[in-house]
Protein backbone atom coordinates (compact mmCIF):
# COMPACT_ATOMS: atom_id res chain seq x y z
CA UNK A 1 11.32 -10.76 -27.10
CA UNK A 2 14.07 -11.23 -24.54
CA UNK A 3 13.72 -10.04 -20.94
CA UNK A 4 16.21 -7.22 -21.63
CA UNK A 5 14.25 -6.09 -24.71
CA UNK A 6 11.07 -6.12 -22.63
CA UNK A 7 12.61 -3.92 -19.92
CA UNK A 8 14.06 -1.54 -22.52
CA UNK A 9 10.66 -1.30 -24.22
CA UNK A 10 8.91 -0.72 -20.90
CA UNK A 11 11.36 1.67 -19.20
CA UNK A 12 13.75 2.88 -21.89
CA UNK A 13 17.45 2.61 -22.65
CA UNK A 14 18.53 4.03 -19.28
CA UNK A 15 16.84 1.20 -17.39
CA UNK A 16 19.77 0.10 -15.22
CA UNK A 17 19.61 3.13 -12.93
CA UNK A 18 15.82 3.13 -12.94
CA UNK A 19 15.11 -0.45 -11.88
CA UNK A 20 15.97 -0.08 -8.17
CA UNK A 21 13.67 2.96 -7.89
CA UNK A 22 10.94 1.13 -9.78
CA UNK A 23 11.24 -1.85 -7.43
CA UNK A 24 10.88 0.41 -4.36
CA UNK A 25 7.85 2.08 -5.95
CA UNK A 26 6.21 -1.29 -6.66
CA UNK A 27 6.88 -2.51 -3.10
CA UNK A 28 5.36 0.66 -1.60
CA UNK A 29 2.36 0.36 -3.90
CA UNK A 30 1.76 -3.21 -2.73
CA UNK A 31 2.00 -2.12 0.92
CA UNK A 32 -0.44 0.73 0.25
CA UNK A 33 -2.84 -1.67 -1.45
CA UNK A 34 -2.70 -3.99 1.56
CA UNK A 35 -3.38 -1.08 3.94
CA UNK A 36 -6.29 0.04 1.74
CA UNK A 37 -7.86 -3.44 1.86
CA UNK A 38 -7.51 -3.50 5.65
CA UNK A 39 -9.09 -0.06 6.00
CA UNK A 40 -11.86 -0.92 3.52
CA UNK A 41 -12.75 -4.12 5.36
CA UNK A 42 -12.73 -2.33 8.72
CA UNK A 43 -14.82 0.57 7.39
CA UNK A 44 -17.60 -1.76 6.21
CA UNK A 45 -18.53 -2.26 9.88
CA UNK A 46 -18.58 1.44 10.79
CA UNK A 47 -21.71 3.34 11.60
CA UNK A 48 -21.91 7.10 11.73
CA UNK A 49 -23.56 9.19 14.42
CA UNK A 50 -23.35 12.71 15.78
CA UNK A 51 -21.02 11.73 18.64
CA UNK A 52 -17.33 11.80 17.80
CA UNK A 53 -15.28 8.71 18.56
CA UNK A 54 -12.75 8.56 21.33
CA UNK A 55 -9.12 9.00 20.31
CA UNK A 56 -8.37 5.58 21.84
CA UNK A 57 -10.57 3.98 19.15
CA UNK A 58 -8.46 5.61 16.46
CA UNK A 59 -5.26 4.44 18.16
CA UNK A 60 -6.62 0.89 18.32
CA UNK A 61 -7.49 1.05 14.63
CA UNK A 62 -4.00 2.34 13.76
CA UNK A 63 -2.52 -0.57 15.71
CA UNK A 64 -4.75 -3.01 13.82
CA UNK A 65 -3.70 -1.65 10.43
CA UNK A 66 -0.02 -1.64 11.37
CA UNK A 67 -0.25 -5.23 12.64
CA UNK A 68 -1.84 -6.31 9.35
CA UNK A 69 1.02 -4.66 7.44
CA UNK A 70 3.64 -6.58 9.41
CA UNK A 71 1.95 -9.94 9.05
């Protein structure tokens, strides 16, 4: 099977207009997966209590996640 046949089989005959959108979707999915792993690893250390957290803690966490995404 040639690469073109593979793409046609996977996406269909109208693949030329679809590929750029598919690439953007894949890139966003990879970024989301990276953010999920960062959040998951951070959340492992969390403990829950009846006192709400300060907003500054959430801002610091947002900064951490964003920094991980740009690294």
